[in-house]
Amino acid sequence: MKWNIFKRKPKAERKKKSKTREWVDAIIFAVIAATIIRGLFFSAYAIPSGSMEGTELTGDYLFVSKISYGPRIANTPLQIPFTEPTIFGGMKTYWSIIQLPYWRLPGFTEVKKQDIVVFNKPEEADQGIPIDERTTLIKRCQATPGDTLSIVNTQVYINGKAAPNAAKQQTSYIVTTNGIDINPELMTDFNMTIIRHDSTNSYEMVIPKEHLAELRSYSNIKNIVPYIKKAGEYDPEVFPHDPKFKWNEDNFGPLVMPKRGWTIKLNDSTMALYRRAIEVYEHNKVLVKGPDIYINDKKADSYTFKMNYYWMMGDNRHNSLDARFWGYVPEDHIIGKAIITVMSTDSTKGFFNKIRWNRMFKPIK
């Protein structure tokens, strides 16, 4: 008798997969691959409002590069892929039982001034929503960590120098007519928006610069002047919402952007400007007792920031809720850089004219 204990037994033939099993495997693979690509490389976003008109239009669909600034690892790993944070009138598509700390993989570059950036809305930190499930916004970065920002009569200044204005940046004007209403078709053709109607013949309107001269030529238009809030005119809706700082959306600052490792002295003024960053974004317990300030139950006279912060503003300056109203954007809210408009639809047009063909695959600047 021959013994060969090392001899392999012949392999049984593999059972061929059924069509159903093949489809299931293909779908699982596609979902995993798409989730990785969407989470680490690129995502598609739609422009829901007019805060970036006329650089980006309502109805634009964008590709956003997450690898530009480094992919941010999800805070809430337990979520339904490819869905909004809430659906069907408020049902959550994520579970916040597990929340991971902020962590970002290395990117190709850092956020630069004039980049068009997609980020989560910092204002929603007060609502207990995880960072990556907060509303997604798109704005232009005006100031980066360490910069001093001022706004003088709508012009942004960074470190004392006028910042470049977007080629199609918009603002509002006071339009006075002779009492004859402006043609609604003209409003659509010129892409104008009425912000308020003060009287029968006076309007505050957002008007693209390229249409100003032609609008002035109409016989019912008596006067068009830029609308600018006066310096020193306090607006309680504007950051930091403190009457010590008589700022408004057109005349603002100066304000220094917090930078990782930057140490500030704590007093009434710095607490008004930076308390939200210290307490809400950097998760410290802050208590003020008379002249004394306590951070995490310890008396403190200074604070060193743990994160970088950015200043984001819409190109449609008088029709944008942005950093002027809710303050700077922490680095852990940054999603990525908008790089290309892949498609655009106009809800005001009919079926056959709905697509804006001239915006297809248009690079974003």
Protein backbone atom coordinates (compact mmCIF):
# COMPACT_ATOMS: atom_id res chain seq x y z
CA MET A 1 0.00 0.00 0.00
CA LYS A 2 1.29 3.43 -1.03
CA TRP A 3 0.83 6.34 1.32
CA ASN A 4 0.97 9.86 -0.07
CA ILE A 5 -0.26 12.21 2.61
CA PHE A 6 0.88 15.29 0.65
CA LYS A 7 -1.20 14.59 -2.41
CA ARG A 8 -3.95 17.21 -2.91
CA LYS A 9 -7.48 16.18 -3.46
CA PRO A 10 -8.91 17.38 -6.75
CA LYS A 11 -10.84 20.67 -6.45
CA ALA A 12 -14.54 20.46 -6.79
CA GLU A 13 -15.87 22.45 -9.67
CA ARG A 14 -17.10 25.88 -8.65
CA LYS A 15 -20.83 26.35 -8.87
CA LYS A 16 -21.75 28.96 -11.46
CA LYS A 17 -23.41 32.08 -10.04
CA SER A 18 -27.02 32.68 -10.86
CA LYS A 19 -28.02 35.81 -12.78
CA THR A 20 -29.62 37.19 -9.62
CA ARG A 21 -26.41 36.65 -7.63
CA GLU A 22 -24.35 38.33 -10.37
CA TRP A 23 -26.65 41.37 -10.31
CA VAL A 24 -26.52 41.58 -6.51
CA ASP A 25 -22.70 41.39 -6.52
CA ALA A 26 -22.50 44.06 -9.23
CA ILE A 27 -24.82 46.40 -7.35
CA ILE A 28 -22.92 45.94 -4.06
CA PHE A 29 -19.61 46.64 -5.83
CA ALA A 30 -21.04 49.73 -7.56
CA VAL A 31 -22.42 51.12 -4.28
CA ILE A 32 -19.11 50.57 -2.46
CA ALA A 33 -17.07 52.08 -5.31
CA ALA A 34 -19.39 55.08 -5.65
CA THR A 35 -19.38 55.65 -1.88
CA ILE A 36 -15.57 55.66 -1.81
CA ILE A 37 -15.38 58.04 -4.80
CA ARG A 38 -18.05 60.35 -3.34
CA GLY A 39 -16.52 60.27 0.12
CA LEU A 40 -12.86 60.72 -0.82
CA PHE A 41 -12.59 62.23 -4.29
CA PHE A 42 -15.55 64.04 -5.87
CA SER A 43 -19.16 64.89 -5.11
CA ALA A 44 -21.94 66.52 -7.10
CA TYR A 45 -23.84 69.47 -5.64
CA ALA A 46 -26.71 71.63 -6.86
CA ILE A 47 -26.96 75.42 -6.40
CA PRO A 48 -30.28 76.01 -4.60
CA SER A 49 -30.19 79.81 -4.21
CA GLY A 50 -28.89 83.01 -5.79
CA SER A 51 -26.12 83.94 -3.34
CA MET A 52 -23.40 83.35 -5.98
CA GLU A 53 -25.19 84.97 -8.97
CA GLY A 54 -23.85 85.73 -11.56
CA THR A 55 -20.72 83.54 -11.01
CA GLU A 56 -22.86 80.49 -10.26
CA LEU A 57 -26.55 80.37 -11.07
CA THR A 58 -29.51 78.80 -9.31
CA GLY A 59 -29.93 75.42 -11.01
CA ASP A 60 -26.22 74.82 -11.64
CA TYR A 61 -24.91 71.32 -10.89
CA LEU A 62 -21.27 71.21 -9.78
CA PHE A 63 -18.46 68.76 -9.30
CA VAL A 64 -16.62 69.46 -6.05
CA SER A 65 -13.09 68.18 -5.52
CA LYS A 66 -12.54 66.77 -2.05
CA ILE A 67 -8.94 65.84 -2.74
CA SER A 68 -7.97 69.48 -3.36
CA TYR A 69 -7.98 70.33 0.37
CA GLY A 70 -7.82 66.72 1.55
CA PRO A 71 -10.82 64.39 2.00
CA ARG A 72 -12.59 64.87 5.31
CA ILE A 73 -13.44 61.59 6.99
CA ALA A 74 -17.16 61.38 7.81
CA ASN A 75 -18.17 62.29 11.35
CA THR A 76 -21.24 60.05 11.09
CA PRO A 77 -20.21 56.76 9.44
CA LEU A 78 -23.68 55.24 9.92
CA GLN A 79 -25.74 56.78 7.12
CA ILE A 80 -27.69 55.81 4.03
CA PRO A 81 -25.51 56.43 0.97
CA PHE A 82 -26.48 59.00 -1.71
CA THR A 83 -29.23 60.65 0.34
CA GLU A 84 -29.72 64.07 1.90
CA PRO A 85 -29.41 64.30 5.71
CA THR A 86 -33.22 64.40 5.94
CA ILE A 87 -35.90 63.10 3.58
CA PHE A 88 -39.71 62.88 3.51
CA GLY A 89 -40.16 66.08 5.52
CA GLY A 90 -37.62 65.47 8.27
CA MET A 91 -36.75 61.77 8.54
CA LYS A 92 -33.01 61.43 9.22
CA THR A 93 -30.87 59.30 6.93
CA TYR A 94 -28.03 59.02 9.45
CA TRP A 95 -27.52 57.70 12.97
CA SER A 96 -25.56 59.90 15.37
CA ILE A 97 -24.94 57.13 17.92
CA ILE A 98 -21.36 56.93 16.62
CA GLN A 99 -19.59 60.22 15.85
CA LEU A 100 -15.93 60.21 14.88
CA PRO A 101 -13.56 63.11 15.68
CA TYR A 102 -12.49 65.51 12.93
CA TRP A 103 -9.79 64.05 10.70
CA ARG A 104 -8.72 64.99 7.19
CA LEU A 105 -6.39 63.21 4.78
CA PRO A 106 -3.63 65.24 3.10
CA GLY A 107 -4.71 67.31 0.10
CA PHE A 108 -2.99 68.87 -2.90
CA THR A 109 -3.35 72.42 -1.60
CA GLU A 110 -4.88 74.62 1.09
CA VAL A 111 -7.90 76.88 0.86
CA LYS A 112 -6.78 80.06 -0.89
CA LYS A 113 -8.32 83.50 -1.15
CA GLN A 114 -10.77 83.72 -4.07
CA ASP A 115 -11.37 79.92 -4.13
CA ILE A 116 -15.03 78.96 -4.47
CA VAL A 117 -15.54 76.58 -1.57
CA VAL A 118 -18.28 74.14 -0.54
CA PHE A 119 -18.72 73.77 3.22
CA ASN A 120 -21.22 72.92 5.94
CA LYS A 121 -23.17 75.77 7.53
CA PRO A 122 -21.54 76.74 10.87
CA GLU A 123 -24.74 78.38 12.13
CA GLU A 124 -26.32 74.94 12.55
CA ALA A 125 -23.83 73.99 15.26
CA ASP A 126 -26.37 75.32 17.76
CA GLN A 127 -28.90 72.71 16.62
CA GLY A 128 -26.85 69.68 17.62
CA ILE A 129 -26.52 68.45 14.02
CA PRO A 130 -23.27 66.55 13.26
CA ILE A 131 -20.89 68.66 11.15
CA ASP A 132 -21.08 66.54 7.99
CA GLU A 133 -24.89 66.48 8.10
CA ARG A 134 -25.34 70.26 8.25
CA THR A 135 -26.66 72.26 5.30
CA THR A 136 -24.21 72.54 2.41
CA LEU A 137 -23.27 76.05 1.24
CA ILE A 138 -21.10 77.46 -1.54
CA LYS A 139 -19.30 80.81 -1.23
CA ARG A 140 -16.07 82.53 -2.24
CA CYS A 141 -13.21 82.57 0.29
CA GLN A 142 -12.23 86.17 1.03
CA ALA A 143 -9.86 85.71 3.97
CA THR A 144 -7.68 82.88 5.25
CA PRO A 145 -6.23 82.22 8.75
CA GLY A 146 -4.32 85.19 10.14
CA ASP A 147 -5.74 87.69 7.63
CA THR A 148 -7.29 90.98 8.74
CA LEU A 149 -10.55 91.61 6.89
CA SER A 150 -12.41 94.90 6.49
CA ILE A 151 -15.30 95.95 4.27
CA VAL A 152 -15.51 99.61 3.27
CA ASN A 153 -18.55 100.69 1.22
CA THR A 154 -18.98 97.08 -0.06
CA GLN A 155 -15.30 96.72 -1.08
CA VAL A 156 -13.45 93.95 0.76
CA TYR A 157 -9.96 94.74 2.03
CA ILE A 158 -7.50 92.06 3.15
CA ASN A 159 -4.55 93.18 5.23
CA GLY A 160 -5.18 96.76 4.10
CA LYS A 161 -5.32 96.03 0.36
CA ALA A 162 -8.44 95.92 -1.81
CA ALA A 163 -9.36 92.32 -2.63
CA PRO A 164 -10.11 91.38 -6.26
CA ASN A 165 -13.80 91.50 -7.12
CA ALA A 166 -15.38 88.62 -9.03
CA ALA A 167 -15.86 89.38 -12.72
CA LYS A 168 -19.65 89.08 -12.38
CA GLN A 169 -20.05 90.15 -8.76
CA GLN A 170 -23.45 91.70 -8.08
CA THR A 171 -24.83 94.22 -5.63
CA SER A 172 -28.06 96.18 -5.27
CA TYR A 173 -29.22 99.60 -6.43
CA ILE A 174 -32.02 101.98 -5.57
CA VAL A 175 -34.08 102.32 -8.74
CA THR A 176 -36.50 105.24 -8.99
CA THR A 177 -39.17 105.23 -11.69
CA ASN A 178 -41.67 107.83 -12.88
CA GLY A 179 -44.47 105.69 -11.47
CA ILE A 180 -44.69 103.28 -14.41
CA ASP A 181 -43.82 99.74 -13.32
CA ILE A 182 -40.79 97.93 -14.73
CA ASN A 183 -41.74 95.38 -17.37
CA PRO A 184 -41.72 91.85 -15.81
CA GLU A 185 -40.16 90.45 -19.01
CA LEU A 186 -37.29 92.90 -18.59
CA MET A 187 -36.80 91.63 -15.03
CA THR A 188 -36.41 88.10 -16.39
CA ASP A 189 -34.26 89.02 -19.40
CA PHE A 190 -31.86 91.11 -17.29
CA ASN A 191 -31.88 88.59 -14.41
CA MET A 192 -32.83 91.31 -11.91
CA THR A 193 -34.23 90.69 -8.42
CA ILE A 194 -36.34 93.01 -6.29
CA ILE A 195 -35.17 92.96 -2.66
CA ARG A 196 -37.69 95.51 -1.37
CA HIS A 197 -40.26 97.96 -2.70
CA ASP A 198 -40.23 101.10 -0.55
CA SER A 199 -42.86 103.10 -2.40
CA THR A 200 -44.77 103.13 -5.67
CA ASN A 201 -41.73 104.40 -7.55
CA SER A 202 -38.70 103.24 -5.49
CA TYR A 203 -37.14 99.77 -5.48
CA GLU A 204 -34.01 98.14 -4.11
CA MET A 205 -32.93 95.75 -6.85
CA VAL A 206 -30.02 93.45 -7.62
CA ILE A 207 -28.87 94.33 -11.15
CA PRO A 208 -26.03 92.66 -13.09
CA LYS A 209 -23.47 95.32 -14.07
CA GLU A 210 -23.71 94.54 -17.78
CA HIS A 211 -27.37 95.64 -17.85
CA LEU A 212 -27.04 98.92 -15.93
CA ALA A 213 -26.47 101.18 -18.92
CA GLU A 214 -29.36 99.74 -20.92
CA LEU A 215 -31.73 99.90 -17.93
CA ARG A 216 -30.91 103.59 -17.46
CA SER A 217 -31.95 104.23 -21.07
CA TYR A 218 -35.60 103.25 -20.46
CA SER A 219 -37.97 106.23 -20.31
CA ASN A 220 -39.65 105.18 -17.04
CA ILE A 221 -36.32 104.96 -15.16
CA LYS A 222 -35.51 108.29 -13.46
CA ASN A 223 -32.48 107.31 -11.39
CA ILE A 224 -30.26 104.36 -10.43
CA VAL A 225 -27.78 104.68 -7.53
CA PRO A 226 -25.82 102.00 -5.60
CA TYR A 227 -27.38 101.02 -2.28
CA ILE A 228 -24.75 101.11 0.48
CA LYS A 229 -25.37 101.06 4.22
CA LYS A 230 -23.52 103.88 5.99
CA ALA A 231 -20.41 103.25 8.08
CA GLY A 232 -21.25 103.20 11.78
CA GLU A 233 -24.85 102.11 11.13
CA TYR A 234 -25.26 99.14 13.48
CA ASP A 235 -27.08 96.09 12.16
CA PRO A 236 -27.95 93.57 14.93
CA GLU A 237 -28.19 90.76 12.37
CA VAL A 238 -24.53 91.19 11.41
CA PHE A 239 -21.70 89.35 13.21
CA PRO A 240 -20.76 89.62 16.09
CA HIS A 241 -24.30 90.87 16.98
CA ASP A 242 -22.90 93.22 19.60
CA PRO A 243 -23.61 96.99 19.68
CA LYS A 244 -19.97 97.65 20.67
CA PHE A 245 -19.17 96.82 17.04
CA LYS A 246 -21.20 99.14 14.84
CA TRP A 247 -20.85 97.01 11.73
CA ASN A 248 -23.15 96.20 8.83
CA GLU A 249 -22.90 94.14 5.65
CA ASP A 250 -21.36 97.03 3.64
CA ASN A 251 -19.03 98.49 6.29
CA PHE A 252 -17.48 95.85 8.52
CA GLY A 253 -14.39 95.15 10.61
CA PRO A 254 -11.47 95.09 10.95
CA LEU A 255 -11.57 91.45 12.07
CA VAL A 256 -8.62 89.04 12.32
CA MET A 257 -9.25 85.46 11.20
CA PRO A 258 -8.31 82.95 13.93
CA LYS A 259 -5.34 80.75 13.09
CA ARG A 260 -4.23 77.47 14.63
CA GLY A 261 -1.70 78.29 17.37
CA TRP A 262 -2.69 81.98 17.57
CA THR A 263 -3.06 83.20 21.16
CA ILE A 264 -5.39 86.07 22.08
CA LYS A 265 -5.90 88.01 25.30
CA LEU A 266 -9.38 87.47 26.73
CA ASN A 267 -11.45 90.57 27.40
CA ASP A 268 -14.89 91.97 26.57
CA SER A 269 -13.97 92.72 22.96
CA THR A 270 -12.21 89.45 22.11
CA MET A 271 -14.95 87.46 23.81
CA ALA A 272 -17.55 89.18 21.64
CA LEU A 273 -15.55 88.35 18.50
CA TYR A 274 -14.20 84.89 19.32
CA ARG A 275 -16.33 83.31 22.05
CA ARG A 276 -18.35 81.28 19.54
CA ALA A 277 -15.17 79.77 18.10
CA ILE A 278 -13.81 78.97 21.54
CA GLU A 279 -17.04 77.59 22.98
CA VAL A 280 -18.99 76.09 20.07
CA TYR A 281 -16.46 75.14 17.39
CA GLU A 282 -13.59 74.14 19.68
CA HIS A 283 -15.87 72.57 22.33
CA ASN A 284 -14.82 74.39 25.47
CA LYS A 285 -16.95 75.25 28.47
CA VAL A 286 -16.90 79.06 28.80
CA LEU A 287 -18.19 81.00 31.81
CA VAL A 288 -17.97 84.75 32.43
CA LYS A 289 -18.27 85.96 36.03
CA GLY A 290 -17.95 89.73 36.16
CA PRO A 291 -14.45 90.60 34.94
CA ASP A 292 -13.27 86.97 35.20
CA ILE A 293 -13.39 84.42 32.37
CA TYR A 294 -13.29 80.67 32.99
CA ILE A 295 -12.52 78.07 30.33
CA ASN A 296 -13.24 74.48 31.31
CA ASP A 297 -13.65 75.64 34.94
CA LYS A 298 -10.21 77.27 35.03
CA LYS A 299 -9.70 81.01 35.19
CA ALA A 300 -8.08 82.19 31.96
CA ASP A 301 -6.70 85.43 30.59
CA SER A 302 -5.72 84.07 27.16
CA TYR A 303 -6.71 81.39 24.65
CA THR A 304 -4.82 79.56 21.89
CA PHE A 305 -6.87 78.42 18.88
CA LYS A 306 -6.84 74.77 17.82
CA MET A 307 -8.18 75.24 14.28
CA ASN A 308 -7.91 77.52 11.26
CA TYR A 309 -10.85 79.72 10.23
CA TYR A 310 -11.96 81.23 6.92
CA TRP A 311 -14.22 84.07 5.74
CA MET A 312 -16.74 83.07 3.06
CA MET A 313 -18.97 85.51 1.14
CA GLY A 314 -21.37 85.25 -1.77
CA ASP A 315 -20.67 87.10 -5.02
CA ASN A 316 -24.26 88.40 -4.96
CA ARG A 317 -23.39 90.75 -2.12
CA HIS A 318 -26.85 92.03 -1.17
CA ASN A 319 -28.61 88.71 -1.58
CA SER A 320 -26.31 86.39 0.35
CA LEU A 321 -26.48 85.11 3.92
CA ASP A 322 -22.80 84.51 4.56
CA ALA A 323 -19.96 85.05 7.04
CA ARG A 324 -21.03 88.67 7.56
CA PHE A 325 -24.06 87.30 9.38
CA TRP A 326 -22.85 84.10 11.09
CA GLY A 327 -19.08 84.58 11.28
CA TYR A 328 -16.03 82.65 10.18
CA VAL A 329 -15.99 79.06 8.93
CA PRO A 330 -13.93 76.48 10.92
CA GLU A 331 -11.64 74.19 8.94
CA ASP A 332 -13.59 71.09 10.01
CA HIS A 333 -16.61 72.43 8.07
CA ILE A 334 -14.73 72.60 4.74
CA ILE A 335 -15.87 69.97 2.21
CA GLY A 336 -14.01 70.82 -0.98
CA LYS A 337 -13.31 73.10 -3.92
CA ALA A 338 -15.90 73.71 -6.64
CA ILE A 339 -14.12 73.01 -9.93
CA ILE A 340 -16.61 72.61 -12.77
CA THR A 341 -20.26 73.26 -13.63
CA VAL A 342 -21.36 70.06 -15.34
CA MET A 343 -24.97 71.01 -16.05
CA SER A 344 -27.40 73.88 -15.49
CA THR A 345 -31.19 74.19 -15.66
CA ASP A 346 -33.41 77.28 -15.58
CA SER A 347 -36.69 76.72 -13.74
CA THR A 348 -38.21 79.84 -15.32
CA LYS A 349 -37.97 78.42 -18.84
CA GLY A 350 -40.13 75.95 -20.71
CA PHE A 351 -39.26 72.29 -21.25
CA PHE A 352 -37.32 72.80 -24.50
CA ASN A 353 -35.35 75.81 -23.21
CA LYS A 354 -34.73 74.58 -19.68
CA ILE A 355 -31.10 73.52 -20.10
CA ARG A 356 -28.44 76.26 -20.17
CA TRP A 357 -26.21 74.67 -22.78
CA ASN A 358 -23.57 77.41 -22.52
CA ARG A 359 -22.83 76.36 -18.92
CA MET A 360 -22.22 72.67 -19.61
CA PHE A 361 -18.78 71.58 -18.35
CA LYS A 362 -17.78 75.16 -17.58
CA PRO A 363 -14.73 75.57 -15.29
CA ILE A 364 -15.47 77.53 -12.11
CA LYS A 365 -13.42 80.66 -11.38
